[in-house]
């Protein structure tokens, strides 16, 4: 398992407000967005910040939406080239002590993914995404996946 982070996804209570803050307020350029669903902003070499509704993020992981006090949900994600590698990374993580939250499966976005929680509870997504690429200069290209 290569030590890589490609996405940091924040589960935000109000996607429009988060977009206004990061894109309009801070001036961070949007790399790709599905209006009303998710916004991606490049924040480093091959690294995207995802803004995703908190309830939608929890549903994608297969968890109940969090209520009451506590940390705002977020995930870290690694993109791997193949579906077999998604399965293998989840298996390595589980053998190392992770809890599988969502087994490897087809994703709503058109790729293939699964989620695990490390022993401290931090949640990771492992995915393959045919719409994802990173240029030599670190610029991420992400786009819709067509069947």
Protein backbone atom coordinates (compact mmCIF):
# COMPACT_ATOMS: atom_id res chain seq x y z
CA UNK A 1 0.00 0.00 0.00
CA UNK A 2 1.57 3.26 -1.14
CA UNK A 3 1.32 6.14 1.39
CA UNK A 4 -0.69 8.65 -0.64
CA UNK A 5 -3.54 11.10 -0.09
CA UNK A 6 -5.39 12.32 -3.17
CA UNK A 7 -8.54 13.78 -1.60
CA UNK A 8 -9.52 15.33 1.67
CA UNK A 9 -13.31 15.43 1.73
CA UNK A 10 -15.11 17.67 4.19
CA UNK A 11 -18.67 16.78 5.15
CA UNK A 12 -20.20 20.24 5.29
CA UNK A 13 -23.60 21.19 6.70
CA UNK A 14 -24.29 23.64 3.84
CA UNK A 15 -22.60 22.96 0.50
CA UNK A 16 -23.49 26.35 -1.01
CA UNK A 17 -22.09 28.21 2.01
CA UNK A 18 -18.89 26.14 1.91
CA UNK A 19 -18.48 26.84 -1.81
CA UNK A 20 -18.99 30.57 -1.23
CA UNK A 21 -16.34 30.53 1.53
CA UNK A 22 -13.64 28.57 -0.29
CA UNK A 23 -14.22 29.59 -3.92
CA UNK A 24 -15.69 33.08 -3.67
CA UNK A 25 -14.29 34.23 -0.32
CA UNK A 26 -10.80 32.70 -0.37
CA UNK A 27 -10.57 32.73 -4.15
CA UNK A 28 -9.60 29.07 -4.43
CA UNK A 29 -10.35 27.85 -7.98
CA UNK A 30 -12.88 25.07 -8.44
CA UNK A 31 -11.43 22.16 -10.41
CA UNK A 32 -14.70 20.29 -10.92
CA UNK A 33 -18.16 20.36 -9.45
CA UNK A 34 -21.51 18.69 -9.67
CA UNK A 35 -23.80 21.54 -8.58
CA UNK A 36 -25.68 20.72 -5.41
CA UNK A 37 -23.63 17.55 -4.84
CA UNK A 38 -19.87 18.07 -4.60
CA UNK A 39 -17.18 20.67 -5.25
CA UNK A 40 -13.49 19.86 -5.81
CA UNK A 41 -10.73 22.43 -5.30
CA UNK A 42 -7.07 21.70 -6.01
CA UNK A 43 -5.05 22.43 -2.85
CA UNK A 44 -1.69 20.83 -3.64
CA UNK A 45 0.31 18.73 -6.07
CA UNK A 46 -2.17 15.99 -7.01
CA UNK A 47 -4.39 16.83 -4.01
CA UNK A 48 -8.03 17.89 -4.04
CA UNK A 49 -10.24 19.27 -1.29
CA UNK A 50 -13.76 17.92 -1.70
CA UNK A 51 -16.77 19.72 -0.28
CA UNK A 52 -19.66 17.27 0.14
CA UNK A 53 -22.84 17.51 2.17
CA UNK A 54 -22.32 15.95 5.61
CA UNK A 55 -25.42 13.74 5.38
CA UNK A 56 -24.49 12.66 1.84
CA UNK A 57 -20.96 11.77 2.97
CA UNK A 58 -22.26 9.65 5.83
CA UNK A 59 -24.74 7.94 3.48
CA UNK A 60 -21.95 7.21 0.97
CA UNK A 61 -19.92 5.54 3.70
CA UNK A 62 -23.00 3.65 4.89
CA UNK A 63 -23.19 5.41 8.25
CA UNK A 64 -26.05 7.25 9.93
CA UNK A 65 -25.81 11.03 9.77
CA UNK A 66 -24.10 12.39 12.86
CA UNK A 67 -26.15 14.51 15.20
CA UNK A 68 -25.28 16.59 18.21
CA UNK A 69 -21.85 17.80 19.22
CA UNK A 70 -18.71 16.25 17.90
CA UNK A 71 -16.30 16.61 15.04
CA UNK A 72 -17.48 17.47 11.57
CA UNK A 73 -17.22 14.41 9.32
CA UNK A 74 -14.38 14.14 6.84
CA UNK A 75 -12.51 11.45 4.95
CA UNK A 76 -9.10 11.00 3.43
CA UNK A 77 -8.94 9.20 0.10
CA UNK A 78 -6.48 7.35 -2.06
CA UNK A 79 -7.01 6.74 -5.76
CA UNK A 80 -5.54 3.50 -7.12
CA UNK A 81 -5.42 2.36 -10.74
CA UNK A 82 -7.60 -0.79 -10.62
CA UNK A 83 -10.55 -2.38 -8.88
CA UNK A 84 -8.29 -5.23 -7.76
CA UNK A 85 -6.06 -2.68 -6.01
CA UNK A 86 -9.08 -1.20 -4.20
CA UNK A 87 -9.84 -4.69 -2.88
CA UNK A 88 -6.19 -5.34 -2.00
CA UNK A 89 -5.72 -2.02 -0.13
CA UNK A 90 -8.87 -2.65 1.91
CA UNK A 91 -7.58 -6.14 2.77
CA UNK A 92 -4.17 -4.81 3.84
CA UNK A 93 -5.84 -2.13 5.96
CA UNK A 94 -8.13 -4.68 7.61
CA UNK A 95 -5.20 -7.01 8.34
CA UNK A 96 -3.39 -4.07 9.95
CA UNK A 97 -6.33 -3.42 12.29
CA UNK A 98 -8.74 -1.25 10.28
CA UNK A 99 -12.50 -1.73 10.37
CA UNK A 100 -14.13 -2.05 6.96
CA UNK A 101 -17.03 0.42 6.85
CA UNK A 102 -18.05 -0.22 3.24
CA UNK A 103 -16.69 -3.17 1.28
CA UNK A 104 -15.34 -2.59 -2.22
CA UNK A 105 -18.20 -1.98 -4.65
CA UNK A 106 -19.47 0.11 -7.55
CA UNK A 107 -19.76 3.76 -6.61
CA UNK A 108 -22.53 6.21 -7.46
CA UNK A 109 -19.94 8.39 -9.23
CA UNK A 110 -19.19 5.57 -11.68
CA UNK A 111 -15.95 4.27 -10.19
CA UNK A 112 -15.28 1.50 -7.67
CA UNK A 113 -14.58 2.14 -3.99
CA UNK A 114 -14.74 1.13 -0.35
CA UNK A 115 -14.16 2.73 3.05
CA UNK A 116 -12.25 1.74 6.17
CA UNK A 117 -11.63 3.30 9.57
CA UNK A 118 -8.16 3.14 11.07
CA UNK A 119 -7.82 2.04 14.71
CA UNK A 120 -8.29 5.65 15.89
CA UNK A 121 -11.49 5.99 13.83
CA UNK A 122 -10.17 8.17 10.96
CA UNK A 123 -11.99 7.22 7.80
CA UNK A 124 -10.39 6.50 4.44
CA UNK A 125 -11.90 5.94 1.03
CA UNK A 126 -9.99 3.81 -1.47
CA UNK A 127 -11.21 4.21 -5.03
CA UNK A 128 -10.49 3.81 -8.67
CA UNK A 129 -11.84 6.61 -10.84
CA UNK A 130 -11.46 6.56 -14.63
CA UNK A 131 -12.14 10.32 -14.70
CA UNK A 132 -9.07 11.05 -12.51
CA UNK A 133 -5.60 11.95 -13.71
CA UNK A 134 -2.67 14.00 -12.45
CA UNK A 135 -0.47 15.88 -14.91
CA UNK A 136 3.32 16.13 -14.59
CA UNK A 137 2.91 19.55 -12.95
CA UNK A 138 0.56 18.10 -10.32
CA UNK A 139 -2.62 19.52 -11.83
CA UNK A 140 -5.55 17.19 -11.21
CA UNK A 141 -8.08 16.53 -13.92
CA UNK A 142 -11.32 15.04 -12.75
CA UNK A 143 -14.45 14.73 -14.76
CA UNK A 144 -17.65 12.85 -15.17
CA UNK A 145 -17.45 9.16 -15.89
CA UNK A 146 -19.56 8.03 -18.80
CA UNK A 147 -20.65 4.41 -19.09
